[in-house]
C-alpha atoms as a PDB file:
ATOM      1  CA  UNK A   1     199.448  24.538 210.629  1.00  0.00           C
ATOM      2  CA  UNK A   2     196.649  25.655 212.331  1.00  0.00           C
ATOM      3  CA  UNK A   3     198.377  28.870 213.799  1.00  0.00           C
ATOM      4  CA  UNK A   4     199.005  29.533 210.252  1.00  0.00           C
ATOM      5  CA  UNK A   5     195.806  29.182 209.136  1.00  0.00           C
ATOM      6  CA  UNK A   6     194.403  31.671 211.823  1.00  0.00           C
ATOM      7  CA  UNK A   7     197.001  34.175 210.629  1.00  0.00           C
ATOM      8  CA  UNK A   8     195.933  33.781 207.146  1.00  0.00           C
ATOM      9  CA  UNK A   9     192.064  34.023 207.822  1.00  0.00           C
ATOM     10  CA  UNK A  10     193.050  37.113 209.966  1.00  0.00           C
ATOM     11  CA  UNK A  11     195.004  38.673 207.361  1.00  0.00           C
ATOM     12  CA  UNK A  12     192.148  38.257 204.912  1.00  0.00           C
ATOM     13  CA  UNK A  13     189.840  39.482 206.945  1.00  0.00           C
ATOM     14  CA  UNK A  14     191.795  43.044 207.653  1.00  0.00           C
ATOM     15  CA  UNK A  15     192.152  43.146 204.111  1.00  0.00           C
ATOM     16  CA  UNK A  16     188.596  42.764 203.289  1.00  0.00           C
ATOM     17  CA  UNK A  17     188.110  45.141 206.043  1.00  0.00           C
ATOM     18  CA  UNK A  18     190.247  47.817 204.800  1.00  0.00           C
ATOM     19  CA  UNK A  19     188.443  47.913 201.416  1.00  0.00           C
ATOM     20  CA  UNK A  20     187.056  51.491 201.014  1.00  0.00           C
ATOM     21  CA  UNK A  21     185.924  53.957 198.726  1.00  0.00           C
ATOM     22  CA  UNK A  22     186.140  57.704 199.138  1.00  0.00           C
ATOM     23  CA  UNK A  23     185.559  60.722 197.129  1.00  0.00           C
ATOM     24  CA  UNK A  24     188.549  62.401 196.083  1.00  0.00           C
ATOM     25  CA  UNK A  25     189.229  65.590 193.595  1.00  0.00           C
ATOM     26  CA  UNK A  26     189.502  65.396 189.972  1.00  0.00           C
ATOM     27  CA  UNK A  27     192.882  66.755 189.907  1.00  0.00           C
ATOM     28  CA  UNK A  28     193.908  63.887 192.176  1.00  0.00           C
ATOM     29  CA  UNK A  29     193.574  61.207 189.497  1.00  0.00           C
ATOM     30  CA  UNK A  30     196.598  59.832 188.060  1.00  0.00           C
ATOM     31  CA  UNK A  31     197.884  61.865 185.152  1.00  0.00           C
ATOM     32  CA  UNK A  32     197.021  59.310 182.727  1.00  0.00           C
ATOM     33  CA  UNK A  33     193.306  59.297 183.774  1.00  0.00           C
ATOM     34  CA  UNK A  34     193.533  63.109 183.718  1.00  0.00           C
ATOM     35  CA  UNK A  35     194.800  63.365 180.116  1.00  0.00           C
ATOM     36  CA  UNK A  36     192.204  60.888 178.718  1.00  0.00           C
ATOM     37  CA  UNK A  37     189.203  62.998 180.416  1.00  0.00           C
ATOM     38  CA  UNK A  38     190.942  66.421 179.320  1.00  0.00           C
ATOM     39  CA  UNK A  39     191.189  64.803 175.467  1.00  0.00           C
ATOM     40  CA  UNK A  40     187.726  62.553 175.251  1.00  0.00           C
ATOM     41  CA  UNK A  41     185.357  63.545 177.911  1.00  0.00           C
ATOM     42  CA  UNK A  42     185.535  67.416 178.514  1.00  0.00           C
ATOM     43  CA  UNK A  43     181.938  67.912 177.373  1.00  0.00           C
ATOM     44  CA  UNK A  44     180.574  65.474 180.130  1.00  0.00           C
ATOM     45  CA  UNK A  45     180.120  66.911 183.559  1.00  0.00           C
ATOM     46  CA  UNK A  46     181.546  64.724 186.276  1.00  0.00           C
ATOM     47  CA  UNK A  47     179.135  64.038 189.383  1.00  0.00           C
ATOM     48  CA  UNK A  48     181.417  62.086 191.311  1.00  0.00           C
ATOM     49  CA  UNK A  49     185.338  61.205 191.319  1.00  0.00           C
ATOM     50  CA  UNK A  50     186.276  58.462 193.656  1.00  0.00           C
ATOM     51  CA  UNK A  51     189.164  56.054 194.601  1.00  0.00           C
ATOM     52  CA  UNK A  52     188.384  52.496 195.707  1.00  0.00           C
ATOM     53  CA  UNK A  53     191.098  51.002 198.033  1.00  0.00           C
ATOM     54  CA  UNK A  54     190.981  47.276 198.051  1.00  0.00           C
ATOM     55  CA  UNK A  55     193.760  45.392 199.913  1.00  0.00           C
ATOM     56  CA  UNK A  56     196.918  46.737 198.250  1.00  0.00           C
ATOM     57  CA  UNK A  57     195.321  48.004 195.111  1.00  0.00           C
ATOM     58  CA  UNK A  58     193.670  51.375 194.185  1.00  0.00           C
ATOM     59  CA  UNK A  59     191.048  51.857 191.318  1.00  0.00           C
ATOM     60  CA  UNK A  60     189.761  55.037 190.584  1.00  0.00           C
ATOM     61  CA  UNK A  61     185.835  55.780 189.051  1.00  0.00           C
ATOM     62  CA  UNK A  62     184.725  58.886 187.362  1.00  0.00           C
ATOM     63  CA  UNK A  63     180.836  59.220 187.280  1.00  0.00           C
ATOM     64  CA  UNK A  64     179.316  61.745 184.923  1.00  0.00           C
ATOM     65  CA  UNK A  65     176.148  63.285 185.281  1.00  0.00           C
ATOM     66  CA  UNK A  66     174.590  61.717 182.564  1.00  0.00           C
ATOM     67  CA  UNK A  67     175.011  58.524 184.106  1.00  0.00           C
ATOM     68  CA  UNK A  68     178.174  57.179 182.104  1.00  0.00           C
ATOM     69  CA  UNK A  69     181.400  56.396 184.172  1.00  0.00           C
ATOM     70  CA  UNK A  70     185.127  55.401 183.363  1.00  0.00           C
ATOM     71  CA  UNK A  71     186.745  53.217 185.691  1.00  0.00           C
ATOM     72  CA  UNK A  72     190.862  53.340 185.922  1.00  0.00           C
ATOM     73  CA  UNK A  73     193.543  51.169 187.286  1.00  0.00           C
ATOM     74  CA  UNK A  74     196.511  52.143 189.756  1.00  0.00           C
ATOM     75  CA  UNK A  75     198.321  53.537 187.067  1.00  0.00           C
ATOM     76  CA  UNK A  76     195.341  55.552 185.539  1.00  0.00           C
ATOM     77  CA  UNK A  77     194.795  53.232 182.385  1.00  0.00           C
ATOM     78  CA  UNK A  78     191.385  52.815 181.431  1.00  0.00           C
ATOM     79  CA  UNK A  79     189.425  49.549 182.411  1.00  0.00           C
ATOM     80  CA  UNK A  80     186.032  50.293 181.761  1.00  0.00           C
ATOM     81  CA  UNK A  81     184.346  53.058 179.945  1.00  0.00           C
ATOM     82  CA  UNK A  82     180.688  53.132 179.561  1.00  0.00           C
ATOM     83  CA  UNK A  83     179.041  56.164 178.055  1.00  0.00           C
ATOM     84  CA  UNK A  84     175.399  55.767 176.522  1.00  0.00           C
ATOM     85  CA  UNK A  85     176.043  58.549 173.561  1.00  0.00           C
ATOM     86  CA  UNK A  86     179.105  56.022 172.654  1.00  0.00           C
ATOM     87  CA  UNK A  87     182.794  55.269 173.612  1.00  0.00           C
ATOM     88  CA  UNK A  88     185.305  57.327 171.574  1.00  0.00           C
ATOM     89  CA  UNK A  89     186.631  55.094 168.895  1.00  0.00           C
ATOM     90  CA  UNK A  90     190.047  56.228 169.099  1.00  0.00           C
ATOM     91  CA  UNK A  91     190.039  54.530 172.525  1.00  0.00           C
ATOM     92  CA  UNK A  92     189.215  51.163 170.925  1.00  0.00           C
ATOM     93  CA  UNK A  93     191.926  49.305 169.079  1.00  0.00           C
ATOM     94  CA  UNK A  94     192.133  49.683 165.408  1.00  0.00           C
ATOM     95  CA  UNK A  95     191.509  45.903 164.609  1.00  0.00           C
ATOM     96  CA  UNK A  96     188.362  45.814 166.802  1.00  0.00           C
ATOM     97  CA  UNK A  97     187.264  49.297 164.983  1.00  0.00           C
ATOM     98  CA  UNK A  98     187.787  47.629 161.932  1.00  0.00           C
ATOM     99  CA  UNK A  99     185.635  44.559 162.846  1.00  0.00           C
ATOM    100  CA  UNK A 100     182.750  46.705 164.123  1.00  0.00           C
ATOM    101  CA  UNK A 101     183.064  49.069 160.802  1.00  0.00           C
ATOM    102  CA  UNK A 102     182.578  45.499 158.725  1.00  0.00           C
ATOM    103  CA  UNK A 103     180.186  43.850 160.724  1.00  0.00           C
ATOM    104  CA  UNK A 104     178.248  46.347 162.934  1.00  0.00           C
ATOM    105  CA  UNK A 105     178.556  49.715 160.515  1.00  0.00           C
ATOM    106  CA  UNK A 106     175.276  51.398 162.206  1.00  0.00           C
ATOM    107  CA  UNK A 107     176.248  50.544 165.752  1.00  0.00           C
ATOM    108  CA  UNK A 108     177.742  52.451 168.645  1.00  0.00           C
ATOM    109  CA  UNK A 109     179.835  50.992 171.358  1.00  0.00           C
ATOM    110  CA  UNK A 110     178.304  51.869 174.603  1.00  0.00           C
ATOM    111  CA  UNK A 111     180.531  50.062 176.991  1.00  0.00           C
ATOM    112  CA  UNK A 112     183.800  48.805 176.858  1.00  0.00           C
ATOM    113  CA  UNK A 113     185.774  46.692 179.270  1.00  0.00           C
ATOM    114  CA  UNK A 114     189.435  45.473 179.398  1.00  0.00           C
ATOM    115  CA  UNK A 115     191.649  43.171 181.291  1.00  0.00           C
ATOM    116  CA  UNK A 116     194.944  41.283 181.160  1.00  0.00           C
ATOM    117  CA  UNK A 117     192.959  38.532 178.767  1.00  0.00           C
ATOM    118  CA  UNK A 118     190.389  40.250 176.388  1.00  0.00           C
ATOM    119  CA  UNK A 119     187.913  42.937 175.546  1.00  0.00           C
ATOM    120  CA  UNK A 120     184.390  42.911 176.131  1.00  0.00           C
ATOM    121  CA  UNK A 121     182.195  45.492 174.326  1.00  0.00           C
ATOM    122  CA  UNK A 122     178.271  46.330 174.393  1.00  0.00           C
ATOM    123  CA  UNK A 123     176.325  47.935 171.195  1.00  0.00           C
ATOM    124  CA  UNK A 124     173.891  50.134 171.698  1.00  0.00           C
ATOM    125  CA  UNK A 125     171.640  47.341 169.987  1.00  0.00           C
ATOM    126  CA  UNK A 126     172.365  45.135 172.750  1.00  0.00           C
ATOM    127  CA  UNK A 127     174.711  42.801 171.033  1.00  0.00           C
ATOM    128  CA  UNK A 128     177.953  41.713 173.374  1.00  0.00           C
ATOM    129  CA  UNK A 129     181.437  41.046 171.469  1.00  0.00           C
ATOM    130  CA  UNK A 130     184.475  39.490 173.439  1.00  0.00           C
ATOM    131  CA  UNK A 131     187.817  39.603 171.787  1.00  0.00           C
ATOM    132  CA  UNK A 132     190.820  38.239 172.738  1.00  0.00           C
ATOM    133  CA  UNK A 133     194.207  40.152 173.096  1.00  0.00           C
ATOM    134  CA  UNK A 134     194.929  39.479 169.617  1.00  0.00           C
ATOM    135  CA  UNK A 135     191.792  41.419 168.686  1.00  0.00           C
ATOM    136  CA  UNK A 136     190.455  38.110 167.592  1.00  0.00           C
ATOM    137  CA  UNK A 137     186.519  37.508 168.155  1.00  0.00           C
ATOM    138  CA  UNK A 138     185.870  35.104 170.567  1.00  0.00           C
ATOM    139  CA  UNK A 139     182.318  35.392 171.588  1.00  0.00           C
ATOM    140  CA  UNK A 140     178.829  37.339 170.540  1.00  0.00           C
ATOM    141  CA  UNK A 141     176.254  37.403 172.815  1.00  0.00           C
ATOM    142  CA  UNK A 142     172.456  38.365 171.582  1.00  0.00           C
END
């Protein structure tokens, strides 16, 4: 049992030590990420594109000269978008857009994060909204 604990601890330390970020060319992003950038963000100059190796997972991040950024998973699907001028509404699920139009018609979404459980949005007035995967509002933070 003691040997197993030592082996597991060693493997975990190696995986942690292997976590690294490195700059990459924009052309080295996954195709889906490149497509999203070419469709919605052609007007934002890119300052840095990087890949983050965390153990067996890769994530990608594009940072714009305007200070905004987009994080992608290993397949090139967006995980997080932060744009001070507003996240394109086409990237937000329709049911959430409908909620925003009804309840916050004059606000723009400046950040959206998604994972396997929920969507989290931040509006330009500071309100943070959280929706489950069925697009039902589950939390508001003022």
